């Protein structure tokens, strides 16, 4: 029974985040087993771990790194648990999906404000937050484009008829302001880069193969393992060793990695077209 509940709670992805898959999700499953009989709403779990994340940001600003690191890891376990609980209980909702994404965004702001406050390196903290946010958006949108190119299932159109429409509209508008511009920018940029390459190396016979090479899975593997659970674990490690500024520099390295991944995708497409 326990194993089938665990399998039911998982979400299929082209590439997995190892830290989450083999660490946090196992711990999250224990939380799900406790909460499932209590019929706890997944959105309540989202609200709770969002509050924990904001408190962790305050603790970072105050230099209380060990407590902050502990709260961040608890938050990460619960962040994994909310989706698993929703799928295991059949309580998947658009409100929950939006609340989870937007709750993480609020927590990320709190964490980087805390880092900027304590270190005094506000420019580095702001740049780190921007890279952090765009990296998570890249992960989501590159997976979307990867699946779209292969005509694979992404997620079904939701039935929101039984959800609180006022809350849902509010969360949708929040998403539209913060995340939709990022989604559009990334998808348009990716397409324009491919079309620019195709115009230079035009080859109708290999266009489809070039698109498959461009929207490929290896980049998803790298991005998946730079996802939220991994990043928050790294932040926790930096806090335990009292080097919070190291995490900000790590974000700059992640930004360089993302640029390198895009160049690699383009090189793969060029190789197919020129061949």
C-alpha atoms as a PDB file:
ATOM      1  CA  UNK A   1       0.000   0.000   0.000  1.00  0.00           C
ATOM      2  CA  UNK A   2       2.781   2.392   0.976  1.00  0.00           C
ATOM      3  CA  UNK A   3       4.745   1.753  -2.216  1.00  0.00           C
ATOM      4  CA  UNK A   4       1.713   2.181  -4.475  1.00  0.00           C
ATOM      5  CA  UNK A   5       0.898   5.459  -2.732  1.00  0.00           C
ATOM      6  CA  UNK A   6       4.470   6.610  -3.346  1.00  0.00           C
ATOM      7  CA  UNK A   7       4.313   5.709  -7.034  1.00  0.00           C
ATOM      8  CA  UNK A   8       0.965   7.453  -7.389  1.00  0.00           C
ATOM      9  CA  UNK A   9       2.401  10.603  -5.850  1.00  0.00           C
ATOM     10  CA  UNK A  10       5.299  10.968  -8.292  1.00  0.00           C
ATOM     11  CA  UNK A  11       5.365  13.161 -11.386  1.00  0.00           C
ATOM     12  CA  UNK A  12       6.968  11.855 -14.573  1.00  0.00           C
ATOM     13  CA  UNK A  13       9.741  14.027 -16.026  1.00  0.00           C
ATOM     14  CA  UNK A  14      12.222  13.511 -18.905  1.00  0.00           C
ATOM     15  CA  UNK A  15      15.128  13.879 -16.459  1.00  0.00           C
ATOM     16  CA  UNK A  16      15.108  13.689 -12.662  1.00  0.00           C
ATOM     17  CA  UNK A  17      16.680  15.872 -10.008  1.00  0.00           C
ATOM     18  CA  UNK A  18      18.753  13.366  -8.062  1.00  0.00           C
ATOM     19  CA  UNK A  19      18.770  15.293  -4.773  1.00  0.00           C
ATOM     20  CA  UNK A  20      14.991  15.453  -4.867  1.00  0.00           C
ATOM     21  CA  UNK A  21      14.306  12.007  -6.302  1.00  0.00           C
ATOM     22  CA  UNK A  22      16.534  10.024  -3.969  1.00  0.00           C
ATOM     23  CA  UNK A  23      16.522  12.310  -0.949  1.00  0.00           C
ATOM     24  CA  UNK A  24      13.806  14.867  -0.368  1.00  0.00           C
ATOM     25  CA  UNK A  25      11.030  12.908  -2.090  1.00  0.00           C
ATOM     26  CA  UNK A  26      11.675   9.887   0.145  1.00  0.00           C
ATOM     27  CA  UNK A  27      11.387  12.094   3.219  1.00  0.00           C
ATOM     28  CA  UNK A  28       8.372  13.852   1.711  1.00  0.00           C
ATOM     29  CA  UNK A  29       6.659  10.483   1.282  1.00  0.00           C
ATOM     30  CA  UNK A  30       6.817   9.958   5.042  1.00  0.00           C
ATOM     31  CA  UNK A  31       5.065  13.306   5.474  1.00  0.00           C
ATOM     32  CA  UNK A  32       2.434  12.246   2.918  1.00  0.00           C
ATOM     33  CA  UNK A  33       1.768   9.004   4.794  1.00  0.00           C
ATOM     34  CA  UNK A  34       1.116  11.007   7.967  1.00  0.00           C
ATOM     35  CA  UNK A  35      -1.037  13.698   6.356  1.00  0.00           C
ATOM     36  CA  UNK A  36      -3.023  11.548   3.922  1.00  0.00           C
ATOM     37  CA  UNK A  37      -5.348   9.980   6.561  1.00  0.00           C
ATOM     38  CA  UNK A  38      -5.817  13.424   8.137  1.00  0.00           C
ATOM     39  CA  UNK A  39      -7.128  14.787   4.808  1.00  0.00           C
ATOM     40  CA  UNK A  40      -4.861  17.834   5.029  1.00  0.00           C
ATOM     41  CA  UNK A  41      -5.331  20.099   2.000  1.00  0.00           C
ATOM     42  CA  UNK A  42      -2.105  20.406  -0.048  1.00  0.00           C
ATOM     43  CA  UNK A  43      -2.595  24.186  -0.272  1.00  0.00           C
ATOM     44  CA  UNK A  44      -2.380  24.404   3.528  1.00  0.00           C
ATOM     45  CA  UNK A  45       0.972  22.667   3.309  1.00  0.00           C
ATOM     46  CA  UNK A  46       2.053  25.219   0.680  1.00  0.00           C
ATOM     47  CA  UNK A  47       1.131  28.110   2.977  1.00  0.00           C
ATOM     48  CA  UNK A  48       2.995  26.513   5.883  1.00  0.00           C
ATOM     49  CA  UNK A  49       6.269  25.865   4.041  1.00  0.00           C
ATOM     50  CA  UNK A  50       6.114  29.336   2.463  1.00  0.00           C
ATOM     51  CA  UNK A  51       5.980  30.835   5.970  1.00  0.00           C
ATOM     52  CA  UNK A  52       8.939  28.651   7.008  1.00  0.00           C
ATOM     53  CA  UNK A  53      10.937  29.885   4.015  1.00  0.00           C
ATOM     54  CA  UNK A  54      10.245  33.534   4.794  1.00  0.00           C
ATOM     55  CA  UNK A  55      11.282  32.994   8.425  1.00  0.00           C
ATOM     56  CA  UNK A  56      14.505  31.386   7.140  1.00  0.00           C
ATOM     57  CA  UNK A  57      15.201  34.552   5.136  1.00  0.00           C
ATOM     58  CA  UNK A  58      14.810  36.647   8.297  1.00  0.00           C
ATOM     59  CA  UNK A  59      17.156  34.307  10.187  1.00  0.00           C
ATOM     60  CA  UNK A  60      19.778  34.640   7.438  1.00  0.00           C
ATOM     61  CA  UNK A  61      19.598  38.427   7.734  1.00  0.00           C
ATOM     62  CA  UNK A  62      20.159  38.093  11.487  1.00  0.00           C
ATOM     63  CA  UNK A  63      23.108  35.726  11.011  1.00  0.00           C
ATOM     64  CA  UNK A  64      21.359  32.738  12.626  1.00  0.00           C
ATOM     65  CA  UNK A  65      22.607  30.400   9.934  1.00  0.00           C
ATOM     66  CA  UNK A  66      22.123  26.979  11.536  1.00  0.00           C
ATOM     67  CA  UNK A  67      18.433  27.573  12.272  1.00  0.00           C
ATOM     68  CA  UNK A  68      17.973  29.089   8.821  1.00  0.00           C
ATOM     69  CA  UNK A  69      19.631  26.065   7.173  1.00  0.00           C
ATOM     70  CA  UNK A  70      17.409  23.695   9.152  1.00  0.00           C
ATOM     71  CA  UNK A  71      14.208  25.556   8.256  1.00  0.00           C
ATOM     72  CA  UNK A  72      15.214  25.658   4.585  1.00  0.00           C
ATOM     73  CA  UNK A  73      15.624  21.873   4.477  1.00  0.00           C
ATOM     74  CA  UNK A  74      12.301  21.332   6.273  1.00  0.00           C
ATOM     75  CA  UNK A  75      10.723  23.739   3.810  1.00  0.00           C
ATOM     76  CA  UNK A  76      12.222  21.743   0.919  1.00  0.00           C
ATOM     77  CA  UNK A  77      10.838  18.444   2.253  1.00  0.00           C
ATOM     78  CA  UNK A  78       7.372  19.969   2.616  1.00  0.00           C
ATOM     79  CA  UNK A  79       7.662  21.628  -0.801  1.00  0.00           C
ATOM     80  CA  UNK A  80       8.201  18.176  -2.289  1.00  0.00           C
ATOM     81  CA  UNK A  81       5.419  16.766  -0.128  1.00  0.00           C
ATOM     82  CA  UNK A  82       2.653  19.164  -1.234  1.00  0.00           C
ATOM     83  CA  UNK A  83       2.627  17.939  -4.833  1.00  0.00           C
ATOM     84  CA  UNK A  84       2.987  14.323  -3.768  1.00  0.00           C
ATOM     85  CA  UNK A  85       0.115  14.747  -1.317  1.00  0.00           C
ATOM     86  CA  UNK A  86      -2.054  16.352  -4.003  1.00  0.00           C
ATOM     87  CA  UNK A  87      -1.477  13.511  -6.449  1.00  0.00           C
ATOM     88  CA  UNK A  88      -1.794  10.743  -3.851  1.00  0.00           C
ATOM     89  CA  UNK A  89      -5.063  12.179  -2.494  1.00  0.00           C
ATOM     90  CA  UNK A  90      -6.522  13.149  -5.869  1.00  0.00           C
ATOM     91  CA  UNK A  91      -6.633  16.787  -4.729  1.00  0.00           C
ATOM     92  CA  UNK A  92      -4.593  18.284  -7.579  1.00  0.00           C
ATOM     93  CA  UNK A  93      -5.812  21.813  -8.273  1.00  0.00           C
ATOM     94  CA  UNK A  94      -4.864  24.916 -10.232  1.00  0.00           C
ATOM     95  CA  UNK A  95      -4.949  26.948  -7.031  1.00  0.00           C
ATOM     96  CA  UNK A  96      -2.407  24.573  -5.505  1.00  0.00           C
ATOM     97  CA  UNK A  97      -0.186  24.674  -8.580  1.00  0.00           C
ATOM     98  CA  UNK A  98      -0.171  28.474  -8.723  1.00  0.00           C
ATOM     99  CA  UNK A  99       0.207  28.818  -4.950  1.00  0.00           C
ATOM    100  CA  UNK A 100       3.211  26.480  -4.932  1.00  0.00           C
ATOM    101  CA  UNK A 101       5.013  28.365  -7.708  1.00  0.00           C
ATOM    102  CA  UNK A 102       4.233  31.783  -6.260  1.00  0.00           C
ATOM    103  CA  UNK A 103       4.999  30.700  -2.706  1.00  0.00           C
ATOM    104  CA  UNK A 104       8.443  29.562  -3.843  1.00  0.00           C
ATOM    105  CA  UNK A 105       8.939  32.928  -5.533  1.00  0.00           C
ATOM    106  CA  UNK A 106       8.121  34.766  -2.292  1.00  0.00           C
ATOM    107  CA  UNK A 107      10.487  32.507  -0.345  1.00  0.00           C
ATOM    108  CA  UNK A 108      13.265  33.086  -2.881  1.00  0.00           C
ATOM    109  CA  UNK A 109      12.853  36.848  -2.487  1.00  0.00           C
ATOM    110  CA  UNK A 110      13.081  36.480   1.305  1.00  0.00           C
ATOM    111  CA  UNK A 111      16.207  34.311   1.084  1.00  0.00           C
ATOM    112  CA  UNK A 112      18.073  36.631  -1.268  1.00  0.00           C
ATOM    113  CA  UNK A 113      17.032  39.721   0.704  1.00  0.00           C
ATOM    114  CA  UNK A 114      18.396  37.956   3.789  1.00  0.00           C
ATOM    115  CA  UNK A 115      21.637  37.168   1.955  1.00  0.00           C
ATOM    116  CA  UNK A 116      21.955  40.735   0.700  1.00  0.00           C
ATOM    117  CA  UNK A 117      21.185  42.167   4.137  1.00  0.00           C
ATOM    118  CA  UNK A 118      23.765  40.049   5.967  1.00  0.00           C
ATOM    119  CA  UNK A 119      26.569  40.213   3.389  1.00  0.00           C
ATOM    120  CA  UNK A 120      25.958  43.806   2.322  1.00  0.00           C
ATOM    121  CA  UNK A 121      26.548  42.674  -1.271  1.00  0.00           C
ATOM    122  CA  UNK A 122      23.220  43.862  -2.611  1.00  0.00           C
ATOM    123  CA  UNK A 123      24.239  43.982  -6.275  1.00  0.00           C
ATOM    124  CA  UNK A 124      25.471  40.401  -6.101  1.00  0.00           C
ATOM    125  CA  UNK A 125      22.315  39.333  -4.250  1.00  0.00           C
ATOM    126  CA  UNK A 126      20.022  40.982  -6.826  1.00  0.00           C
ATOM    127  CA  UNK A 127      21.964  39.457  -9.720  1.00  0.00           C
ATOM    128  CA  UNK A 128      21.913  36.075  -7.975  1.00  0.00           C
ATOM    129  CA  UNK A 129      18.149  36.290  -7.500  1.00  0.00           C
ATOM    130  CA  UNK A 130      17.609  37.159 -11.170  1.00  0.00           C
ATOM    131  CA  UNK A 131      19.761  34.225 -12.305  1.00  0.00           C
ATOM    132  CA  UNK A 132      18.092  31.919  -9.785  1.00  0.00           C
ATOM    133  CA  UNK A 133      14.614  32.877 -11.021  1.00  0.00           C
ATOM    134  CA  UNK A 134      15.488  32.653 -14.719  1.00  0.00           C
ATOM    135  CA  UNK A 135      17.185  29.288 -14.172  1.00  0.00           C
ATOM    136  CA  UNK A 136      13.996  27.838 -12.704  1.00  0.00           C
ATOM    137  CA  UNK A 137      12.024  29.308 -15.616  1.00  0.00           C
ATOM    138  CA  UNK A 138      14.492  27.811 -18.091  1.00  0.00           C
ATOM    139  CA  UNK A 139      14.003  24.398 -16.525  1.00  0.00           C
ATOM    140  CA  UNK A 140      10.229  24.641 -16.864  1.00  0.00           C
ATOM    141  CA  UNK A 141      10.184  26.066 -20.395  1.00  0.00           C
ATOM    142  CA  UNK A 142      12.926  23.925 -21.886  1.00  0.00           C
ATOM    143  CA  UNK A 143      11.079  20.853 -20.653  1.00  0.00           C
ATOM    144  CA  UNK A 144       7.842  22.243 -22.143  1.00  0.00           C
ATOM    145  CA  UNK A 145       9.517  22.839 -25.531  1.00  0.00           C
ATOM    146  CA  UNK A 146      11.247  19.444 -25.390  1.00  0.00           C
ATOM    147  CA  UNK A 147       7.899  17.697 -24.901  1.00  0.00           C
ATOM    148  CA  UNK A 148       6.133  19.903 -27.453  1.00  0.00           C
ATOM    149  CA  UNK A 149       8.703  19.028 -30.125  1.00  0.00           C
ATOM    150  CA  UNK A 150       8.088  15.327 -29.488  1.00  0.00           C
ATOM    151  CA  UNK A 151       4.315  15.730 -29.192  1.00  0.00           C
ATOM    152  CA  UNK A 152       4.514  14.342 -25.672  1.00  0.00           C
ATOM    153  CA  UNK A 153       2.035  14.794 -22.865  1.00  0.00           C
ATOM    154  CA  UNK A 154       2.819  17.829 -20.683  1.00  0.00           C
ATOM    155  CA  UNK A 155      -0.213  18.177 -18.468  1.00  0.00           C
ATOM    156  CA  UNK A 156      -3.971  18.060 -19.089  1.00  0.00           C
ATOM    157  CA  UNK A 157      -6.202  21.101 -19.222  1.00  0.00           C
ATOM    158  CA  UNK A 158      -7.438  21.516 -15.647  1.00  0.00           C
ATOM    159  CA  UNK A 159     -11.065  21.448 -14.521  1.00  0.00           C
ATOM    160  CA  UNK A 160     -11.336  24.502 -12.269  1.00  0.00           C
ATOM    161  CA  UNK A 161     -15.124  24.569 -11.946  1.00  0.00           C
ATOM    162  CA  UNK A 162     -15.056  23.487  -8.295  1.00  0.00           C
ATOM    163  CA  UNK A 163     -12.257  25.818  -7.225  1.00  0.00           C
ATOM    164  CA  UNK A 164     -12.600  29.208  -5.552  1.00  0.00           C
ATOM    165  CA  UNK A 165     -12.725  31.473  -8.591  1.00  0.00           C
ATOM    166  CA  UNK A 166     -11.760  34.655  -6.730  1.00  0.00           C
ATOM    167  CA  UNK A 167      -8.593  33.063  -5.326  1.00  0.00           C
ATOM    168  CA  UNK A 168      -7.834  31.392  -8.641  1.00  0.00           C
ATOM    169  CA  UNK A 169      -8.140  34.662 -10.588  1.00  0.00           C
ATOM    170  CA  UNK A 170      -5.854  36.412  -8.109  1.00  0.00           C
ATOM    171  CA  UNK A 171      -3.191  33.724  -8.402  1.00  0.00           C
ATOM    172  CA  UNK A 172      -3.522  33.627 -12.196  1.00  0.00           C
ATOM    173  CA  UNK A 173      -3.022  37.388 -12.389  1.00  0.00           C
ATOM    174  CA  UNK A 174       0.001  37.175 -10.097  1.00  0.00           C
ATOM    175  CA  UNK A 175       1.472  34.489 -12.359  1.00  0.00           C
ATOM    176  CA  UNK A 176       0.676  36.546 -15.451  1.00  0.00           C
ATOM    177  CA  UNK A 177       2.610  39.526 -14.101  1.00  0.00           C
ATOM    178  CA  UNK A 178       5.657  37.682 -12.736  1.00  0.00           C
ATOM    179  CA  UNK A 179       6.108  34.483 -14.730  1.00  0.00           C
ATOM    180  CA  UNK A 180       4.328  34.728 -18.085  1.00  0.00           C
ATOM    181  CA  UNK A 181       6.729  37.384 -19.431  1.00  0.00           C
ATOM    182  CA  UNK A 182       9.635  35.080 -18.530  1.00  0.00           C
ATOM    183  CA  UNK A 183       7.924  32.098 -20.192  1.00  0.00           C
ATOM    184  CA  UNK A 184       7.232  34.070 -23.371  1.00  0.00           C
ATOM    185  CA  UNK A 185      10.722  35.567 -23.483  1.00  0.00           C
ATOM    186  CA  UNK A 186      12.437  32.189 -23.109  1.00  0.00           C
ATOM    187  CA  UNK A 187      10.243  30.429 -25.678  1.00  0.00           C
ATOM    188  CA  UNK A 188      10.541  33.235 -28.231  1.00  0.00           C
ATOM    189  CA  UNK A 189      14.301  33.460 -27.698  1.00  0.00           C
ATOM    190  CA  UNK A 190      14.744  29.705 -28.186  1.00  0.00           C
ATOM    191  CA  UNK A 191      12.705  29.698 -31.392  1.00  0.00           C
ATOM    192  CA  UNK A 192      14.436  32.781 -32.794  1.00  0.00           C
ATOM    193  CA  UNK A 193      17.857  31.288 -32.121  1.00  0.00           C
ATOM    194  CA  UNK A 194      16.900  28.097 -33.943  1.00  0.00           C
ATOM    195  CA  UNK A 195      15.425  29.979 -36.902  1.00  0.00           C
ATOM    196  CA  UNK A 196      18.549  32.155 -37.107  1.00  0.00           C
ATOM    197  CA  UNK A 197      20.693  29.038 -37.270  1.00  0.00           C
ATOM    198  CA  UNK A 198      18.370  27.402 -39.792  1.00  0.00           C
ATOM    199  CA  UNK A 199      18.469  30.470 -42.049  1.00  0.00           C
ATOM    200  CA  UNK A 200      22.260  30.189 -42.149  1.00  0.00           C
ATOM    201  CA  UNK A 201      22.439  26.404 -42.577  1.00  0.00           C
ATOM    202  CA  UNK A 202      19.168  25.868 -44.427  1.00  0.00           C
ATOM    203  CA  UNK A 203      18.540  22.182 -45.052  1.00  0.00           C
ATOM    204  CA  UNK A 204      14.900  21.130 -45.330  1.00  0.00           C
ATOM    205  CA  UNK A 205      15.799  17.434 -45.244  1.00  0.00           C
ATOM    206  CA  UNK A 206      17.304  17.669 -41.775  1.00  0.00           C
ATOM    207  CA  UNK A 207      15.186  20.441 -40.225  1.00  0.00           C
ATOM    208  CA  UNK A 208      13.152  18.068 -38.055  1.00  0.00           C
ATOM    209  CA  UNK A 209      16.253  16.204 -36.891  1.00  0.00           C
ATOM    210  CA  UNK A 210      17.948  19.521 -36.131  1.00  0.00           C
ATOM    211  CA  UNK A 211      15.000  20.638 -33.998  1.00  0.00           C
ATOM    212  CA  UNK A 212      15.144  17.389 -32.046  1.00  0.00           C
ATOM    213  CA  UNK A 213      18.879  17.904 -31.541  1.00  0.00           C
ATOM    214  CA  UNK A 214      18.262  21.478 -30.421  1.00  0.00           C
ATOM    215  CA  UNK A 215      15.462  20.621 -27.981  1.00  0.00           C
ATOM    216  CA  UNK A 216      17.392  17.769 -26.389  1.00  0.00           C
ATOM    217  CA  UNK A 217      17.380  15.972 -23.055  1.00  0.00           C
ATOM    218  CA  UNK A 218      20.962  16.399 -21.849  1.00  0.00           C
ATOM    219  CA  UNK A 219      20.369  20.092 -21.137  1.00  0.00           C
ATOM    220  CA  UNK A 220      17.246  19.113 -19.202  1.00  0.00           C
ATOM    221  CA  UNK A 221      19.375  16.750 -17.126  1.00  0.00           C
ATOM    222  CA  UNK A 222      21.747  19.571 -16.160  1.00  0.00           C
ATOM    223  CA  UNK A 223      18.957  22.038 -15.413  1.00  0.00           C
ATOM    224  CA  UNK A 224      16.943  19.466 -13.471  1.00  0.00           C
ATOM    225  CA  UNK A 225      19.939  19.000 -11.210  1.00  0.00           C
ATOM    226  CA  UNK A 226      20.214  22.738 -10.672  1.00  0.00           C
ATOM    227  CA  UNK A 227      16.561  22.813  -9.591  1.00  0.00           C
ATOM    228  CA  UNK A 228      15.098  24.267  -6.405  1.00  0.00           C
ATOM    229  CA  UNK A 229      15.719  21.333  -4.050  1.00  0.00           C
ATOM    230  CA  UNK A 230      19.378  21.114  -5.074  1.00  0.00           C
ATOM    231  CA  UNK A 231      19.910  24.868  -4.805  1.00  0.00           C
ATOM    232  CA  UNK A 232      18.329  25.066  -1.351  1.00  0.00           C
ATOM    233  CA  UNK A 233      20.464  22.148  -0.164  1.00  0.00           C
ATOM    234  CA  UNK A 234      23.559  24.007  -1.393  1.00  0.00           C
ATOM    235  CA  UNK A 235      22.364  27.167   0.346  1.00  0.00           C
ATOM    236  CA  UNK A 236      21.943  25.182   3.552  1.00  0.00           C
ATOM    237  CA  UNK A 237      25.495  23.838   3.250  1.00  0.00           C
ATOM    238  CA  UNK A 238      26.867  27.352   2.680  1.00  0.00           C
ATOM    239  CA  UNK A 239      24.996  28.562   5.770  1.00  0.00           C
ATOM    240  CA  UNK A 240      26.236  25.703   7.954  1.00  0.00           C
ATOM    241  CA  UNK A 241      29.808  26.629   7.016  1.00  0.00           C
ATOM    242  CA  UNK A 242      29.026  30.350   7.544  1.00  0.00           C
ATOM    243  CA  UNK A 243      29.868  31.359   3.969  1.00  0.00           C
ATOM    244  CA  UNK A 244      26.531  32.735   2.676  1.00  0.00           C
ATOM    245  CA  UNK A 245      28.308  34.852   0.061  1.00  0.00           C
ATOM    246  CA  UNK A 246      29.580  31.629  -1.544  1.00  0.00           C
ATOM    247  CA  UNK A 247      26.026  30.819  -2.590  1.00  0.00           C
ATOM    248  CA  UNK A 248      25.745  34.180  -4.373  1.00  0.00           C
ATOM    249  CA  UNK A 249      28.903  33.471  -6.354  1.00  0.00           C
ATOM    250  CA  UNK A 250      27.570  30.006  -7.092  1.00  0.00           C
ATOM    251  CA  UNK A 251      24.565  31.655  -8.769  1.00  0.00           C
ATOM    252  CA  UNK A 252      26.901  33.473 -11.157  1.00  0.00           C
ATOM    253  CA  UNK A 253      28.495  30.145 -12.070  1.00  0.00           C
ATOM    254  CA  UNK A 254      25.021  28.692 -12.688  1.00  0.00           C
ATOM    255  CA  UNK A 255      24.292  31.595 -15.030  1.00  0.00           C
ATOM    256  CA  UNK A 256      27.428  30.774 -17.023  1.00  0.00           C
ATOM    257  CA  UNK A 257      26.376  27.103 -17.134  1.00  0.00           C
ATOM    258  CA  UNK A 258      22.970  28.073 -18.573  1.00  0.00           C
ATOM    259  CA  UNK A 259      24.641  30.144 -21.300  1.00  0.00           C
ATOM    260  CA  UNK A 260      26.940  27.222 -22.104  1.00  0.00           C
ATOM    261  CA  UNK A 261      23.943  24.885 -22.374  1.00  0.00           C
ATOM    262  CA  UNK A 262      22.264  27.193 -24.888  1.00  0.00           C
ATOM    263  CA  UNK A 263      25.452  27.370 -26.979  1.00  0.00           C
ATOM    264  CA  UNK A 264      25.697  23.589 -26.847  1.00  0.00           C
ATOM    265  CA  UNK A 265      22.121  23.217 -28.090  1.00  0.00           C
ATOM    266  CA  UNK A 266      22.867  25.539 -30.979  1.00  0.00           C
ATOM    267  CA  UNK A 267      26.047  23.639 -31.848  1.00  0.00           C
ATOM    268  CA  UNK A 268      24.071  20.384 -31.947  1.00  0.00           C
ATOM    269  CA  UNK A 269      21.548  21.869 -34.373  1.00  0.00           C
ATOM    270  CA  UNK A 270      24.307  23.295 -36.575  1.00  0.00           C
ATOM    271  CA  UNK A 271      26.048  19.909 -36.674  1.00  0.00           C
ATOM    272  CA  UNK A 272      22.885  18.198 -37.912  1.00  0.00           C
ATOM    273  CA  UNK A 273      22.054  20.883 -40.492  1.00  0.00           C
ATOM    274  CA  UNK A 274      25.574  21.168 -41.866  1.00  0.00           C
ATOM    275  CA  UNK A 275      25.941  17.412 -42.139  1.00  0.00           C
END
